[in-house]
Amino acid sequence: MAKSRLSTIIDQIIDDIEIQLNADNKHVIKLDTVKERALEYITIDCNNDDSQKCAEIGFDQVVHGRLYQYGYRSVRMGLFINLDSCDNIKRLQELLNSADASLQDKQKIWQKIKKQLDGQIEMQFDGAEHTGYIETMTEEEFIDDLLADAI
């Protein structure tokens, strides 16, 4: 079955964003970025508000579907990371805890986390003196980290 024109446009946009991600050493795609760039080539124009809303929901689903086909998974609302290339433990843990992750994805994520963790708690030292434990990010810090790494 041939790909639709919309899917082809979105695929090209994702390809372009991936080039930009690599050039900028970033790893997160914003859903809004894909949608904004796609809307430069397509028009969603309906006769009434209900039809417009349905068309926009369908458009969102197509974008989500294409990102999924490229290996991207939603780590937060509107923020996607590539499961195959992600090696950030915090982001992988968030994907592992996601209700949206499939069992197959969860197994893959767990294997990636397991390879990186040595089973030890990280402690902070100032010279030879123990100064505390490395704290996990707050939700705000995590979102800020994602947004700083996003296109």
N, C-alpha and C. Protein backbone atom coordinates (compact mmCIF):
# COMPACT_ATOMS: atom_id res chain seq x y z
N MET A 1 0.84 -1.18 0.00
CA MET A 1 0.00 0.00 0.00
C MET A 1 0.89 1.24 0.00
N ALA A 2 0.60 2.16 -0.87
CA ALA A 2 1.40 3.37 -1.00
C ALA A 2 1.16 4.31 0.18
N LYS A 3 2.20 5.02 0.54
CA LYS A 3 2.11 5.99 1.60
C LYS A 3 1.32 7.20 1.13
N SER A 4 0.57 7.79 2.04
CA SER A 4 -0.19 8.99 1.68
C SER A 4 0.75 10.19 1.52
N ARG A 5 0.25 11.20 0.85
CA ARG A 5 1.02 12.43 0.66
C ARG A 5 1.38 13.03 2.01
N LEU A 6 0.45 13.02 2.95
CA LEU A 6 0.68 13.57 4.29
C LEU A 6 1.80 12.81 5.00
N SER A 7 1.77 11.48 4.94
CA SER A 7 2.82 10.69 5.57
C SER A 7 4.18 10.96 4.94
N THR A 8 4.21 11.11 3.63
CA THR A 8 5.45 11.42 2.92
C THR A 8 6.01 12.76 3.37
N ILE A 9 5.15 13.76 3.50
CA ILE A 9 5.57 15.09 3.95
C ILE A 9 6.13 15.00 5.37
N ILE A 10 5.41 14.34 6.25
CA ILE A 10 5.85 14.22 7.64
C ILE A 10 7.16 13.44 7.72
N ASP A 11 7.30 12.39 6.94
CA ASP A 11 8.55 11.63 6.93
C ASP A 11 9.72 12.51 6.51
N GLN A 12 9.52 13.34 5.50
CA GLN A 12 10.60 14.23 5.06
C GLN A 12 10.96 15.23 6.15
N ILE A 13 9.95 15.71 6.84
CA ILE A 13 10.18 16.66 7.93
C ILE A 13 10.96 15.99 9.06
N ILE A 14 10.59 14.76 9.41
CA ILE A 14 11.31 14.02 10.45
C ILE A 14 12.75 13.77 10.01
N ASP A 15 12.94 13.41 8.74
CA ASP A 15 14.31 13.23 8.22
C ASP A 15 15.12 14.52 8.38
N ASP A 16 14.51 15.65 8.02
CA ASP A 16 15.20 16.94 8.14
C ASP A 16 15.50 17.27 9.60
N ILE A 17 14.56 17.00 10.49
CA ILE A 17 14.77 17.26 11.91
C ILE A 17 15.89 16.38 12.46
N GLU A 18 15.95 15.13 12.01
CA GLU A 18 17.02 14.24 12.47
C GLU A 18 18.39 14.76 12.04
N ILE A 19 18.47 15.31 10.84
CA ILE A 19 19.73 15.92 10.39
C ILE A 19 20.09 17.10 11.29
N GLN A 20 19.09 17.90 11.61
CA GLN A 20 19.30 19.05 12.48
C GLN A 20 19.67 18.60 13.90
N LEU A 21 19.02 17.54 14.40
CA LEU A 21 19.37 17.00 15.72
C LEU A 21 20.84 16.61 15.77
N ASN A 22 21.27 15.87 14.75
CA ASN A 22 22.67 15.44 14.71
C ASN A 22 23.63 16.63 14.63
N ALA A 23 23.30 17.61 13.80
CA ALA A 23 24.16 18.79 13.64
C ALA A 23 24.25 19.60 14.94
N ASP A 24 23.13 19.67 15.67
CA ASP A 24 23.08 20.46 16.91
C ASP A 24 23.36 19.63 18.16
N ASN A 25 23.65 18.34 17.97
CA ASN A 25 23.89 17.41 19.08
C ASN A 25 22.72 17.44 20.08
N LYS A 26 21.52 17.33 19.53
CA LYS A 26 20.30 17.28 20.34
C LYS A 26 19.64 15.93 20.10
N HIS A 27 18.63 15.61 20.96
CA HIS A 27 18.08 14.26 20.93
C HIS A 27 16.56 14.18 21.08
N VAL A 28 15.89 15.31 21.19
CA VAL A 28 14.45 15.33 21.47
C VAL A 28 13.72 16.07 20.35
N ILE A 29 12.61 15.49 19.90
CA ILE A 29 11.77 16.15 18.89
C ILE A 29 10.49 16.63 19.57
N LYS A 30 10.19 17.91 19.34
CA LYS A 30 8.92 18.46 19.81
C LYS A 30 7.85 18.14 18.77
N LEU A 31 6.72 17.65 19.22
CA LEU A 31 5.59 17.39 18.35
C LEU A 31 5.19 18.65 17.60
N ASP A 32 5.20 19.78 18.31
CA ASP A 32 4.81 21.05 17.69
C ASP A 32 5.72 21.44 16.54
N THR A 33 7.01 21.09 16.63
CA THR A 33 7.94 21.41 15.54
C THR A 33 7.54 20.67 14.28
N VAL A 34 7.24 19.38 14.41
CA VAL A 34 6.84 18.58 13.25
C VAL A 34 5.54 19.14 12.67
N LYS A 35 4.57 19.42 13.52
CA LYS A 35 3.29 19.93 13.05
C LYS A 35 3.41 21.29 12.37
N GLU A 36 4.18 22.19 12.96
CA GLU A 36 4.34 23.52 12.37
C GLU A 36 4.98 23.43 10.99
N ARG A 37 6.01 22.58 10.88
CA ARG A 37 6.69 22.45 9.59
C ARG A 37 5.79 21.76 8.56
N ALA A 38 4.99 20.81 8.99
CA ALA A 38 4.08 20.12 8.07
C ALA A 38 2.98 21.06 7.58
N LEU A 39 2.53 21.94 8.44
CA LEU A 39 1.45 22.86 8.06
C LEU A 39 1.90 23.90 7.03
N GLU A 40 3.21 23.97 6.76
CA GLU A 40 3.70 24.81 5.68
C GLU A 40 3.36 24.19 4.32
N TYR A 41 3.08 22.88 4.29
CA TYR A 41 2.84 22.15 3.04
C TYR A 41 1.41 21.63 2.90
N ILE A 42 0.67 21.61 3.99
CA ILE A 42 -0.71 21.11 3.93
C ILE A 42 -1.64 22.14 4.57
N THR A 43 -2.89 22.01 4.26
CA THR A 43 -3.90 22.89 4.82
C THR A 43 -5.00 22.05 5.44
N ILE A 44 -5.35 22.38 6.67
CA ILE A 44 -6.50 21.76 7.32
C ILE A 44 -7.58 22.83 7.33
N ASP A 45 -8.55 22.66 6.44
CA ASP A 45 -9.56 23.69 6.25
C ASP A 45 -10.92 23.01 6.21
N CYS A 46 -11.67 23.16 7.28
CA CYS A 46 -12.99 22.52 7.36
C CYS A 46 -14.09 23.57 7.47
N ASN A 47 -15.30 23.11 7.22
CA ASN A 47 -16.44 24.03 7.18
C ASN A 47 -16.94 24.44 8.54
N ASN A 48 -16.71 23.62 9.57
CA ASN A 48 -17.21 23.97 10.89
C ASN A 48 -16.21 23.56 11.96
N ASP A 49 -16.45 24.01 13.17
CA ASP A 49 -15.51 23.77 14.27
C ASP A 49 -15.36 22.28 14.59
N ASP A 50 -16.45 21.53 14.54
CA ASP A 50 -16.37 20.10 14.84
C ASP A 50 -15.50 19.36 13.82
N SER A 51 -15.71 19.65 12.56
CA SER A 51 -14.91 19.02 11.51
C SER A 51 -13.44 19.44 11.63
N GLN A 52 -13.21 20.70 11.94
CA GLN A 52 -11.85 21.21 12.12
C GLN A 52 -11.15 20.46 13.26
N LYS A 53 -11.84 20.29 14.37
CA LYS A 53 -11.27 19.60 15.53
C LYS A 53 -10.96 18.15 15.18
N CYS A 54 -11.86 17.49 14.50
CA CYS A 54 -11.62 16.10 14.09
C CYS A 54 -10.42 15.99 13.16
N ALA A 55 -10.31 16.93 12.23
CA ALA A 55 -9.18 16.92 11.30
C ALA A 55 -7.86 17.15 12.04
N GLU A 56 -7.87 18.05 13.01
CA GLU A 56 -6.65 18.31 13.79
C GLU A 56 -6.25 17.10 14.63
N ILE A 57 -7.23 16.41 15.20
CA ILE A 57 -6.95 15.20 15.98
C ILE A 57 -6.37 14.12 15.06
N GLY A 58 -6.94 13.97 13.89
CA GLY A 58 -6.42 13.00 12.93
C GLY A 58 -5.00 13.35 12.49
N PHE A 59 -4.73 14.63 12.28
CA PHE A 59 -3.40 15.10 11.91
C PHE A 59 -2.40 14.75 13.02
N ASP A 60 -2.78 15.03 14.27
CA ASP A 60 -1.91 14.67 15.41
C ASP A 60 -1.61 13.18 15.42
N GLN A 61 -2.61 12.37 15.15
CA GLN A 61 -2.42 10.92 15.15
C GLN A 61 -1.47 10.46 14.04
N VAL A 62 -1.57 11.09 12.88
CA VAL A 62 -0.65 10.75 11.79
C VAL A 62 0.78 11.11 12.19
N VAL A 63 0.98 12.28 12.78
CA VAL A 63 2.32 12.69 13.20
C VAL A 63 2.84 11.72 14.26
N HIS A 64 2.01 11.38 15.25
CA HIS A 64 2.42 10.42 16.28
C HIS A 64 2.81 9.08 15.64
N GLY A 65 2.00 8.63 14.72
CA GLY A 65 2.25 7.34 14.06
C GLY A 65 3.56 7.33 13.29
N ARG A 66 3.85 8.43 12.58
CA ARG A 66 5.10 8.51 11.82
C ARG A 66 6.30 8.57 12.77
N LEU A 67 6.20 9.33 13.86
CA LEU A 67 7.29 9.37 14.84
C LEU A 67 7.52 7.98 15.42
N TYR A 68 6.44 7.27 15.70
CA TYR A 68 6.56 5.91 16.24
C TYR A 68 7.27 5.00 15.23
N GLN A 69 6.93 5.12 13.95
CA GLN A 69 7.58 4.31 12.92
C GLN A 69 9.08 4.59 12.84
N TYR A 70 9.47 5.79 13.17
CA TYR A 70 10.88 6.17 13.17
C TYR A 70 11.59 5.75 14.46
N GLY A 71 10.86 5.17 15.40
CA GLY A 71 11.47 4.71 16.65
C GLY A 71 11.38 5.70 17.79
N TYR A 72 10.62 6.77 17.60
CA TYR A 72 10.47 7.77 18.66
C TYR A 72 9.33 7.39 19.59
N ARG A 73 9.56 7.65 20.87
CA ARG A 73 8.55 7.38 21.88
C ARG A 73 8.35 8.65 22.70
N SER A 74 7.13 8.85 23.15
CA SER A 74 6.79 10.04 23.93
C SER A 74 7.33 9.89 25.35
N VAL A 75 8.18 10.84 25.74
CA VAL A 75 8.73 10.82 27.08
C VAL A 75 7.97 11.80 27.98
N ARG A 76 7.38 12.78 27.40
CA ARG A 76 6.47 13.72 28.03
C ARG A 76 5.54 14.24 26.95
N MET A 77 4.49 14.87 27.36
CA MET A 77 3.49 15.38 26.42
C MET A 77 4.15 16.25 25.36
N GLY A 78 4.14 15.77 24.12
CA GLY A 78 4.67 16.54 23.01
C GLY A 78 6.17 16.48 22.83
N LEU A 79 6.88 15.64 23.61
CA LEU A 79 8.32 15.52 23.52
C LEU A 79 8.68 14.05 23.27
N PHE A 80 9.44 13.81 22.20
CA PHE A 80 9.73 12.45 21.76
C PHE A 80 11.24 12.21 21.70
N ILE A 81 11.66 11.01 22.16
CA ILE A 81 13.05 10.60 22.04
C ILE A 81 13.11 9.30 21.25
N ASN A 82 14.25 9.09 20.59
CA ASN A 82 14.42 7.87 19.82
C ASN A 82 14.90 6.76 20.74
N LEU A 83 14.10 5.73 20.85
CA LEU A 83 14.38 4.63 21.76
C LEU A 83 15.69 3.93 21.41
N ASP A 84 15.98 3.78 20.13
CA ASP A 84 17.19 3.07 19.73
C ASP A 84 18.46 3.83 20.03
N SER A 85 18.43 5.15 19.94
CA SER A 85 19.66 5.91 20.13
C SER A 85 19.78 6.56 21.51
N CYS A 86 18.76 6.47 22.33
CA CYS A 86 18.80 7.10 23.65
C CYS A 86 19.65 6.27 24.61
N ASP A 87 20.56 6.96 25.30
CA ASP A 87 21.33 6.28 26.33
C ASP A 87 21.29 7.05 27.65
N ASN A 88 20.38 8.01 27.76
CA ASN A 88 20.20 8.80 28.97
C ASN A 88 19.34 7.98 29.95
N ILE A 89 19.94 7.61 31.08
CA ILE A 89 19.26 6.74 32.05
C ILE A 89 17.94 7.33 32.53
N LYS A 90 17.93 8.60 32.87
CA LYS A 90 16.70 9.23 33.38
C LYS A 90 15.58 9.16 32.34
N ARG A 91 15.92 9.44 31.09
CA ARG A 91 14.90 9.40 30.04
C ARG A 91 14.43 7.98 29.82
N LEU A 92 15.35 7.03 29.84
CA LEU A 92 14.96 5.63 29.68
C LEU A 92 14.07 5.16 30.83
N GLN A 93 14.39 5.60 32.05
CA GLN A 93 13.55 5.23 33.20
C GLN A 93 12.15 5.80 33.06
N GLU A 94 12.06 7.02 32.55
CA GLU A 94 10.75 7.63 32.34
C GLU A 94 9.96 6.85 31.28
N LEU A 95 10.63 6.41 30.23
CA LEU A 95 9.96 5.58 29.22
C LEU A 95 9.53 4.25 29.81
N LEU A 96 10.38 3.66 30.65
CA LEU A 96 10.05 2.38 31.28
C LEU A 96 8.80 2.50 32.13
N ASN A 97 8.64 3.62 32.80
CA ASN A 97 7.49 3.84 33.67
C ASN A 97 6.24 4.31 32.92
N SER A 98 6.38 4.56 31.63
CA SER A 98 5.26 5.07 30.84
C SER A 98 4.21 3.98 30.62
N ALA A 99 2.98 4.34 30.83
CA ALA A 99 1.87 3.41 30.59
C ALA A 99 1.71 3.14 29.10
N ASP A 100 2.22 4.03 28.26
CA ASP A 100 2.08 3.89 26.81
C ASP A 100 3.10 2.93 26.20
N ALA A 101 4.17 2.63 26.94
CA ALA A 101 5.22 1.77 26.38
C ALA A 101 4.72 0.33 26.27
N SER A 102 5.00 -0.27 25.12
CA SER A 102 4.61 -1.67 24.91
C SER A 102 5.52 -2.58 25.71
N LEU A 103 5.12 -3.82 25.89
CA LEU A 103 5.94 -4.79 26.62
C LEU A 103 7.28 -4.97 25.90
N GLN A 104 7.25 -5.02 24.59
CA GLN A 104 8.48 -5.17 23.81
C GLN A 104 9.40 -3.97 24.03
N ASP A 105 8.83 -2.76 24.03
CA ASP A 105 9.63 -1.57 24.29
C ASP A 105 10.20 -1.60 25.71
N LYS A 106 9.39 -1.99 26.67
CA LYS A 106 9.85 -2.04 28.06
C LYS A 106 11.02 -3.02 28.23
N GLN A 107 10.96 -4.14 27.54
CA GLN A 107 12.07 -5.10 27.60
C GLN A 107 13.33 -4.48 27.00
N LYS A 108 13.18 -3.81 25.89
CA LYS A 108 14.32 -3.17 25.24
C LYS A 108 14.90 -2.07 26.14
N ILE A 109 14.03 -1.28 26.74
CA ILE A 109 14.46 -0.20 27.62
C ILE A 109 15.20 -0.77 28.82
N TRP A 110 14.63 -1.81 29.44
CA TRP A 110 15.26 -2.42 30.61
C TRP A 110 16.66 -2.93 30.27
N GLN A 111 16.82 -3.54 29.12
CA GLN A 111 18.14 -4.04 28.72
C GLN A 111 19.14 -2.88 28.56
N LYS A 112 18.69 -1.77 28.00
CA LYS A 112 19.56 -0.61 27.83
C LYS A 112 19.96 -0.02 29.18
N ILE A 113 19.00 0.05 30.11
CA ILE A 113 19.29 0.58 31.44
C ILE A 113 20.25 -0.36 32.16
N LYS A 114 19.97 -1.64 32.10
CA LYS A 114 20.78 -2.65 32.78
C LYS A 114 22.24 -2.61 32.33
N LYS A 115 22.48 -2.37 31.04
CA LYS A 115 23.85 -2.28 30.52
C LYS A 115 24.61 -1.12 31.14
N GLN A 116 23.90 -0.04 31.48
CA GLN A 116 24.58 1.16 31.96
C GLN A 116 24.71 1.23 33.47
N LEU A 117 23.81 0.58 34.19
CA LEU A 117 23.86 0.67 35.65
C LEU A 117 24.74 -0.43 36.21
N ASP A 118 25.51 -0.08 37.22
CA ASP A 118 26.36 -1.09 37.85
C ASP A 118 25.76 -1.57 39.17
N GLY A 119 24.56 -1.10 39.50
CA GLY A 119 23.90 -1.55 40.72
C GLY A 119 24.32 -0.79 41.96
N GLN A 120 25.14 0.21 41.81
CA GLN A 120 25.62 0.99 42.95
C GLN A 120 24.93 2.34 42.99
N ILE A 121 24.79 2.86 44.20
CA ILE A 121 24.26 4.20 44.37
C ILE A 121 25.42 5.17 44.19
N GLU A 122 25.17 6.25 43.46
CA GLU A 122 26.24 7.22 43.26
C GLU A 122 26.33 8.16 44.46
N MET A 123 27.54 8.35 44.92
CA MET A 123 27.78 9.25 46.03
C MET A 123 28.68 10.38 45.56
N GLN A 124 28.54 11.52 46.20
CA GLN A 124 29.38 12.67 45.88
C GLN A 124 30.51 12.76 46.89
N PHE A 125 31.69 13.09 46.40
CA PHE A 125 32.85 13.24 47.26
C PHE A 125 33.53 14.57 46.95
N ASP A 126 34.07 15.17 47.99
CA ASP A 126 34.93 16.33 47.85
C ASP A 126 36.29 15.88 48.34
N GLY A 127 37.11 15.48 47.40
CA GLY A 127 38.37 14.84 47.79
C GLY A 127 38.06 13.48 48.38
N ALA A 128 38.46 13.26 49.63
CA ALA A 128 38.20 11.98 50.29
C ALA A 128 36.95 12.03 51.16
N GLU A 129 36.37 13.20 51.31
CA GLU A 129 35.23 13.36 52.20
C GLU A 129 33.90 13.17 51.47
N HIS A 130 33.06 12.29 52.01
CA HIS A 130 31.74 12.04 51.43
C HIS A 130 30.84 13.25 51.71
N THR A 131 30.28 13.85 50.67
CA THR A 131 29.46 15.04 50.84
C THR A 131 27.97 14.78 50.63
N GLY A 132 27.60 13.59 50.19
CA GLY A 132 26.19 13.28 50.00
C GLY A 132 25.98 12.37 48.82
N TYR A 133 24.73 12.19 48.48
CA TYR A 133 24.35 11.34 47.36
C TYR A 133 23.90 12.21 46.19
N ILE A 134 24.11 11.72 44.98
CA ILE A 134 23.64 12.45 43.80
C ILE A 134 22.13 12.32 43.75
N GLU A 135 21.47 13.45 43.77
CA GLU A 135 20.01 13.46 43.80
C GLU A 135 19.45 13.33 42.39
N THR A 136 18.28 12.73 42.30
CA THR A 136 17.62 12.63 41.01
C THR A 136 17.03 13.99 40.65
N MET A 137 16.77 14.16 39.38
CA MET A 137 16.20 15.43 38.91
C MET A 137 14.77 15.59 39.41
N THR A 138 14.40 16.83 39.66
CA THR A 138 13.00 17.12 39.92
C THR A 138 12.26 17.07 38.58
N GLU A 139 10.96 17.05 38.62
CA GLU A 139 10.17 17.04 37.38
C GLU A 139 10.46 18.29 36.55
N GLU A 140 10.57 19.43 37.21
CA GLU A 140 10.87 20.68 36.49
C GLU A 140 12.24 20.62 35.84
N GLU A 141 13.24 20.09 36.55
CA GLU A 141 14.58 19.96 35.98
C GLU A 141 14.57 19.00 34.79
N PHE A 142 13.80 17.92 34.91
CA PHE A 142 13.70 16.94 33.83
C PHE A 142 13.09 17.57 32.58
N ILE A 143 11.99 18.30 32.74
CA ILE A 143 11.34 18.97 31.61
C ILE A 143 12.29 20.02 31.01
N ASP A 144 12.96 20.80 31.87
CA ASP A 144 13.92 21.79 31.37
C ASP A 144 15.04 21.11 30.57
N ASP A 145 15.52 19.97 31.05
CA ASP A 145 16.56 19.22 30.34
C ASP A 145 16.06 18.75 28.98
N LEU A 146 14.83 18.23 28.93
CA LEU A 146 14.26 17.79 27.65
C LEU A 146 14.12 18.96 26.69
N LEU A 147 13.58 20.07 27.16
CA LEU A 147 13.35 21.22 26.29
C LEU A 147 14.67 21.82 25.78
N ALA A 148 15.70 21.79 26.62
CA ALA A 148 17.00 22.30 26.18
C ALA A 148 17.61 21.40 25.10
N ASP A 149 17.17 20.15 25.05
CA ASP A 149 17.72 19.17 24.11
C ASP A 149 16.77 18.93 22.93
N ALA A 150 15.80 19.83 22.77
CA ALA A 150 14.74 19.59 21.78
C ALA A 150 14.81 20.53 20.59
N ILE A 151 14.30 20.00 19.48
CA ILE A 151 14.09 20.81 18.27
C ILE A 151 12.61 20.75 17.95
